[in-house]
Amino acid sequence: MNRLGVSLCGIELDNPVIPASGTFGYGKEFSELYDLDILGSLSFKGTTLYARDGNPLPRIAEAPCGMLNAVGLQNPGVEAVIAEELPLLRSRFHKPLMANVSGFSVEDYARTCAMLDREEQIGWLEVNISCPNVHGGGMSFGTDPKQAAAVTRAVKAVTKKPVLMKLTPNVTDIAEIALACEEAGADGLSLINTVTAMRIDLRTRRPVLANTTGGLSGPAVFPIALRAVWQVYNAVRIPIVGLGGISRAEDVIEMMLAGATAVEVGAANLRDPFACPKIINALPEVMDRYGIQNLRELTGAAHG
C-alpha cells in the first residue's frame, strides 16, 4: 500500500501535495526543473470566462513571514486555456488536474466550469469564490452564504466532475459558508485563500500596492488556515483541501490532523521552486518520526 496515497472525492492521489493555483502557472516553468508527475495533482492558474490583464503594477509586496499579492486573476481566458495550455500541460503532467475557476457573475462561473468539465484531463473543478484582489467578483460571492450557495448550485447543474468550493478567511464564520456550499451540492472544499492585508511605503506615504490592499500568504497565515480547517471539519462531512502557509512536511501532517484530506502549497513555490518535491520526499521520514503508518489515517485525527 502506498503510505502517502489519499483519495479526494473518489479520485486517488499518489500523495496529498498539490501546488496551489496562482503559484504554479500552467506548470511549464516548473516542468523544466523536475518531473511534475511527482505531485499529487496541481491546481492551475485561476481561469475566467474571458481574458484578463490583471491589476496595475505594483501588485506584489513583501511582508514579515509572507508576501502580499494583488495580481487580479491575470489569465488568457478559458478558451485559450483549453486550446493552448491544456494540450501543453498534458505532455508534462499525466494525472488528473485541478481546474481553478473564477467569475464575476453566477453565469460566468457556470459557463466556464461547463467548458472545463468536458476536458478529460480535468479531475476536479476548484471554484474560487474567495479572491480578494478583484472588484465585483471573487470574494464577494464567498462572504455571503446565499451567494456561495447560488454559485455552487449553478456549477453543479452544468458539471459532472467533483466541485470544490474555495473559501475565503475574510469572514466572521467560515463554517457557515462551508455548510451553505455543502448543502448546495459541493463535493468538497478548499481553504483558505489569502488574508486581506496591506503595506504602506514610508517614503511616499502611500500604499505599496496599486490596488491598495492585497492577499497575504506564506507562513504567517498557517495558524489561521489551520484554525479554519479545524472549524470547517466540525461543520461538514465533505472532504477539505487545506492550504495557507504550508512549507514543510510537518505542516502537511498538522493540516491533515486538523481535518484536511489533501493540501495545497502556495507561496512556498515562489520562494523555492523545489518546495513541493522537497515536501513530498520528506514526508516518509517525518511520518516515521511520529509513528504514522499511512497518511489516510490522519484526516481529522486531532479531533479525537
Protein backbone atom coordinates (compact mmCIF):
# COMPACT_ATOMS: atom_id res chain seq x y z
CA MET A 1 0.00 0.00 0.00
CA ASN A 2 1.26 3.48 -0.84
CA ARG A 3 1.80 5.18 2.53
CA LEU A 4 1.40 8.63 1.02
CA GLY A 5 -1.71 7.93 -1.04
CA VAL A 6 -5.04 9.65 -0.36
CA SER A 7 -8.42 9.77 -2.06
CA LEU A 8 -10.04 13.11 -2.88
CA CYS A 9 -13.70 12.95 -3.93
CA GLY A 10 -13.17 9.41 -5.17
CA ILE A 11 -10.02 10.17 -7.18
CA GLU A 12 -6.80 8.56 -5.96
CA LEU A 13 -3.69 10.70 -5.47
CA ASP A 14 -0.18 9.27 -5.05
CA ASN A 15 0.34 11.86 -2.32
CA PRO A 16 -1.65 14.77 -0.90
CA VAL A 17 0.62 17.59 -2.13
CA ILE A 18 -0.87 19.94 -4.76
CA PRO A 19 0.65 23.25 -5.93
CA ALA A 20 -1.90 25.99 -5.32
CA SER A 21 -3.46 27.98 -8.12
CA GLY A 22 -1.68 31.21 -8.93
CA THR A 23 1.72 29.99 -7.73
CA PHE A 24 2.43 27.40 -10.42
CA GLY A 25 1.12 28.89 -13.67
CA TYR A 26 0.34 26.05 -16.06
CA GLY A 27 3.39 24.06 -14.97
CA LYS A 28 5.73 24.91 -17.84
CA GLU A 29 8.48 26.63 -15.86
CA PHE A 30 8.43 24.01 -13.11
CA SER A 31 8.48 21.13 -15.62
CA GLU A 32 11.90 22.36 -16.73
CA LEU A 33 13.17 21.83 -13.17
CA TYR A 34 11.65 18.47 -12.17
CA ASP A 35 9.22 15.74 -13.22
CA LEU A 36 5.75 17.10 -12.42
CA ASP A 37 4.39 13.57 -12.00
CA ILE A 38 5.89 13.52 -8.50
CA LEU A 39 2.99 15.78 -7.48
CA GLY A 40 -0.35 14.51 -6.20
CA SER A 41 -2.08 16.90 -8.59
CA LEU A 42 -1.75 20.57 -9.49
CA SER A 43 -4.24 23.42 -9.45
CA PHE A 44 -3.50 25.54 -12.49
CA LYS A 45 -3.73 29.30 -12.80
CA GLY A 46 -7.12 30.81 -11.98
CA THR A 47 -9.22 30.88 -15.15
CA THR A 48 -12.06 33.23 -16.06
CA LEU A 49 -14.54 33.24 -18.93
CA TYR A 50 -12.66 36.00 -20.75
CA ALA A 51 -9.00 37.04 -20.76
CA ARG A 52 -7.84 39.40 -18.02
CA ASP A 53 -4.75 41.60 -17.77
CA GLY A 54 -4.99 41.72 -14.00
CA ASN A 55 -4.39 44.71 -11.75
CA PRO A 56 -1.93 47.56 -12.40
CA LEU A 57 1.63 47.43 -11.05
CA PRO A 58 2.98 47.23 -8.42
CA ARG A 59 1.00 44.19 -7.36
CA ILE A 60 3.48 42.23 -5.21
CA ALA A 61 4.85 43.29 -1.83
CA GLU A 62 6.95 41.64 0.86
CA ALA A 63 5.74 41.16 4.42
CA PRO A 64 7.21 39.53 7.53
CA CYS A 65 6.83 35.75 7.16
CA GLY A 66 4.94 36.10 3.90
CA MET A 67 4.02 38.17 0.88
CA LEU A 68 1.12 40.22 -0.45
CA ASN A 69 -0.23 39.87 -3.95
CA ALA A 70 -2.86 41.80 -5.88
CA VAL A 71 -2.33 40.18 -9.28
CA GLY A 72 -6.06 40.22 -10.01
CA LEU A 73 -6.62 36.94 -11.88
CA GLN A 74 -4.46 37.66 -14.91
CA ASN A 75 -5.15 34.81 -17.36
CA PRO A 76 -5.79 34.22 -21.09
CA GLY A 77 -9.44 33.17 -20.68
CA VAL A 78 -10.98 29.71 -20.71
CA GLU A 79 -11.00 29.20 -24.49
CA ALA A 80 -7.26 29.87 -24.74
CA VAL A 81 -6.59 27.66 -21.72
CA ILE A 82 -8.43 24.77 -23.37
CA ALA A 83 -6.91 25.32 -26.80
CA GLU A 84 -3.34 26.12 -25.82
CA GLU A 85 -2.44 25.48 -22.18
CA LEU A 86 -4.12 22.13 -21.52
CA PRO A 87 -2.54 20.32 -24.52
CA LEU A 88 0.89 21.50 -23.41
CA LEU A 89 0.20 20.56 -19.81
CA ARG A 90 -0.95 17.10 -20.90
CA SER A 91 2.57 16.42 -22.18
CA ARG A 92 4.13 17.46 -18.84
CA PHE A 93 1.71 16.02 -16.29
CA HIS A 94 -0.07 12.67 -16.59
CA LYS A 95 -2.50 12.73 -13.67
CA PRO A 96 -5.90 14.38 -13.09
CA LEU A 97 -5.67 18.18 -12.88
CA MET A 98 -7.49 20.62 -10.66
CA ALA A 99 -9.03 23.46 -12.69
CA ASN A 100 -9.29 26.69 -10.70
CA VAL A 101 -12.19 28.87 -11.89
CA SER A 102 -13.16 32.45 -11.02
CA GLY A 103 -16.01 34.65 -12.19
CA PHE A 104 -17.81 37.96 -11.91
CA SER A 105 -21.35 36.57 -12.05
CA VAL A 106 -23.04 33.25 -11.34
CA GLU A 107 -23.38 32.81 -15.13
CA ASP A 108 -19.62 33.36 -15.58
CA TYR A 109 -18.83 30.56 -13.15
CA ALA A 110 -21.31 28.17 -14.72
CA ARG A 111 -20.20 28.79 -18.32
CA THR A 112 -16.51 28.47 -17.53
CA CYS A 113 -16.99 25.33 -15.45
CA ALA A 114 -19.20 23.73 -18.10
CA MET A 115 -16.45 24.20 -20.70
CA LEU A 116 -13.70 22.81 -18.45
CA ASP A 117 -15.89 19.91 -17.30
CA ARG A 118 -15.69 18.47 -20.83
CA GLU A 119 -11.88 18.21 -20.68
CA GLU A 120 -10.76 14.65 -19.95
CA GLN A 121 -7.63 15.61 -18.04
CA ILE A 122 -9.58 17.72 -15.51
CA GLY A 123 -10.26 15.74 -12.34
CA TRP A 124 -11.79 18.43 -10.13
CA LEU A 125 -13.21 21.91 -10.57
CA GLU A 126 -11.94 24.24 -7.85
CA VAL A 127 -14.36 27.16 -7.83
CA ASN A 128 -12.73 30.26 -6.42
CA ILE A 129 -15.27 32.39 -4.57
CA SER A 130 -12.53 33.88 -2.42
CA CYS A 131 -10.18 36.09 -4.46
CA PRO A 132 -9.69 39.37 -2.53
CA ASN A 133 -7.99 41.19 -5.41
CA VAL A 134 -10.81 41.82 -7.89
CA HIS A 135 -13.79 44.15 -7.74
CA GLY A 136 -17.34 42.92 -8.26
CA GLY A 137 -16.50 39.22 -8.22
CA GLY A 138 -14.42 36.58 -6.47
CA MET A 139 -14.64 37.14 -2.73
CA SER A 140 -17.97 38.98 -2.98
CA PHE A 141 -19.56 35.57 -3.61
CA GLY A 142 -17.68 33.87 -0.81
CA THR A 143 -18.63 36.20 2.04
CA ASP A 144 -22.39 35.58 1.79
CA PRO A 145 -23.79 32.08 2.39
CA LYS A 146 -26.64 32.64 -0.08
CA GLN A 147 -24.30 33.83 -2.83
CA ALA A 148 -21.86 30.98 -2.15
CA ALA A 149 -24.72 28.50 -2.38
CA ALA A 150 -26.01 30.09 -5.61
CA VAL A 151 -22.64 29.68 -7.33
CA THR A 152 -22.35 26.10 -6.05
CA ARG A 153 -25.80 25.13 -7.36
CA ALA A 154 -25.18 26.77 -10.73
CA VAL A 155 -21.88 24.98 -11.24
CA LYS A 156 -23.21 21.61 -10.08
CA ALA A 157 -26.13 21.92 -12.52
CA VAL A 158 -23.78 22.00 -15.53
CA THR A 159 -20.95 19.69 -14.45
CA LYS A 160 -20.38 16.04 -13.66
CA LYS A 161 -16.94 16.24 -12.09
CA PRO A 162 -16.30 16.87 -8.39
CA VAL A 163 -16.67 20.53 -7.44
CA LEU A 164 -14.51 22.02 -4.68
CA MET A 165 -15.53 25.47 -3.45
CA LYS A 166 -12.53 27.59 -2.47
CA LEU A 167 -13.32 29.71 0.57
CA THR A 168 -12.05 32.99 1.98
CA PRO A 169 -10.90 33.51 5.57
CA ASN A 170 -12.12 37.11 5.40
CA VAL A 171 -15.47 36.30 7.02
CA THR A 172 -16.88 36.15 10.52
CA ASP A 173 -17.87 32.47 10.31
CA ILE A 174 -16.18 30.36 7.62
CA ALA A 175 -18.02 27.25 8.81
CA GLU A 176 -21.34 28.90 7.91
CA ILE A 177 -20.14 29.49 4.33
CA ALA A 178 -18.80 25.94 4.13
CA LEU A 179 -22.09 24.45 5.28
CA ALA A 180 -24.04 26.53 2.73
CA CYS A 181 -21.80 25.16 -0.04
CA GLU A 182 -22.21 21.59 1.18
CA GLU A 183 -25.99 21.92 1.33
CA ALA A 184 -25.97 23.33 -2.23
CA GLY A 185 -24.19 20.23 -3.51
CA ALA A 186 -20.44 20.90 -3.24
CA ASP A 187 -18.34 17.74 -3.32
CA GLY A 188 -15.50 19.27 -1.33
CA LEU A 189 -13.93 22.50 -0.11
CA SER A 190 -10.57 24.25 -0.45
CA LEU A 191 -9.49 26.63 2.31
CA ILE A 192 -8.13 29.13 2.91
CA ASN A 193 -7.43 31.73 0.26
CA THR A 194 -5.31 34.72 1.21
CA VAL A 195 -5.98 37.12 4.08
CA THR A 196 -6.73 40.73 3.08
CA ALA A 197 -3.79 42.93 4.09
CA MET A 198 -1.73 45.96 3.07
CA ARG A 199 1.64 47.74 3.35
CA ILE A 200 2.50 51.46 3.28
CA ASP A 201 5.70 52.89 1.84
CA LEU A 202 7.23 55.19 4.48
CA ARG A 203 8.98 57.30 1.87
CA THR A 204 5.96 58.02 -0.32
CA ARG A 205 3.41 57.64 2.48
CA ARG A 206 1.23 55.78 0.03
CA PRO A 207 0.09 52.13 -0.13
CA VAL A 208 2.75 49.89 -1.66
CA LEU A 209 0.23 48.08 -3.87
CA ALA A 210 -1.54 49.92 -6.67
CA ASN A 211 -4.69 48.08 -5.58
CA THR A 212 -4.14 49.41 -2.01
CA THR A 213 -4.84 46.01 -0.46
CA GLY A 214 -3.77 42.52 -1.43
CA GLY A 215 -3.83 38.96 -0.20
CA LEU A 216 -1.35 37.88 2.48
CA SER A 217 0.07 34.39 2.03
CA GLY A 218 3.03 32.45 3.39
CA PRO A 219 3.90 31.03 6.84
CA ALA A 220 2.23 33.98 8.59
CA VAL A 221 -1.23 32.65 7.68
CA PHE A 222 -0.65 28.96 8.53
CA PRO A 223 -2.21 29.15 12.03
CA ILE A 224 -5.23 30.97 10.57
CA ALA A 225 -5.64 28.31 7.89
CA LEU A 226 -5.27 25.52 10.44
CA ARG A 227 -7.98 27.03 12.63
CA ALA A 228 -10.30 27.40 9.65
CA VAL A 229 -9.82 23.79 8.55
CA TRP A 230 -10.47 22.63 12.13
CA GLN A 231 -13.73 24.59 12.33
CA VAL A 232 -14.97 23.55 8.90
CA TYR A 233 -14.15 19.87 9.53
CA ASN A 234 -16.50 20.04 12.52
CA ALA A 235 -19.27 21.58 10.40
CA VAL A 236 -19.33 19.49 7.19
CA ARG A 237 -18.95 15.91 6.01
CA ILE A 238 -17.33 16.57 2.61
CA PRO A 239 -13.55 16.47 2.13
CA ILE A 240 -11.34 19.50 2.68
CA VAL A 241 -8.20 20.58 0.85
CA GLY A 242 -6.19 22.63 3.33
CA LEU A 243 -3.92 25.47 2.24
CA GLY A 244 -2.32 28.58 3.61
CA GLY A 245 1.32 28.86 4.61
CA ILE A 246 2.30 25.21 4.13
CA SER A 247 6.06 24.95 3.57
CA ARG A 248 7.20 21.75 5.34
CA ALA A 249 6.21 18.09 5.58
CA GLU A 250 5.31 18.76 9.22
CA ASP A 251 2.79 21.38 8.06
CA VAL A 252 1.12 18.79 5.81
CA ILE A 253 0.67 16.41 8.72
CA GLU A 254 -0.61 19.14 11.03
CA MET A 255 -3.11 20.28 8.42
CA MET A 256 -4.37 16.73 7.87
CA LEU A 257 -4.74 16.19 11.63
CA ALA A 258 -6.95 19.29 11.68
CA GLY A 259 -9.23 17.78 9.02
CA ALA A 260 -7.69 18.08 5.56
CA THR A 261 -7.72 15.17 3.11
CA ALA A 262 -5.12 16.83 0.86
CA VAL A 263 -3.16 20.08 0.91
CA GLU A 264 -2.07 22.82 -1.46
CA VAL A 265 1.29 24.57 -1.35
CA GLY A 266 1.23 28.19 -2.50
CA ALA A 267 3.72 30.94 -1.63
CA ALA A 268 6.45 28.40 -0.84
CA ASN A 269 6.67 27.66 -4.59
CA LEU A 270 7.56 31.27 -5.25
CA ARG A 271 10.34 31.29 -2.68
CA ASP A 272 11.70 27.85 -3.63
CA PRO A 273 10.58 26.24 -6.92
CA PHE A 274 11.51 22.83 -5.47
CA ALA A 275 9.25 23.28 -2.42
CA CYS A 276 6.70 20.62 -3.42
CA PRO A 277 9.14 17.80 -4.26
CA LYS A 278 11.10 18.58 -1.08
CA ILE A 279 7.93 18.28 1.00
CA ILE A 280 6.90 15.03 -0.72
CA ASN A 281 10.36 13.50 -0.31
CA ALA A 282 10.48 14.48 3.37
CA LEU A 283 7.06 13.02 4.26
CA PRO A 284 8.15 9.37 4.85
CA GLU A 285 10.89 10.36 7.32
CA VAL A 286 8.55 12.70 9.21
CA MET A 287 5.86 10.00 9.26
CA ASP A 288 8.34 7.53 10.73
CA ARG A 289 9.38 10.07 13.38
CA TYR A 290 5.78 10.37 14.59
CA GLY A 291 4.79 6.72 14.17
CA ILE A 292 2.42 7.31 11.23
CA GLN A 293 1.86 4.25 9.07
CA ASN A 294 -0.09 5.95 6.28
CA LEU A 295 -1.48 9.41 5.64
CA ARG A 296 -5.08 8.24 5.19
CA GLU A 297 -5.34 7.67 8.93
CA LEU A 298 -4.54 11.30 9.73
CA THR A 299 -7.55 13.25 8.42
CA GLY A 300 -9.31 14.76 11.42
CA ALA A 301 -7.41 12.56 13.90
CA ALA A 302 -6.68 15.51 16.21
CA HIS A 303 -10.40 15.82 16.90
CA GLY A 304 -10.37 12.64 18.98
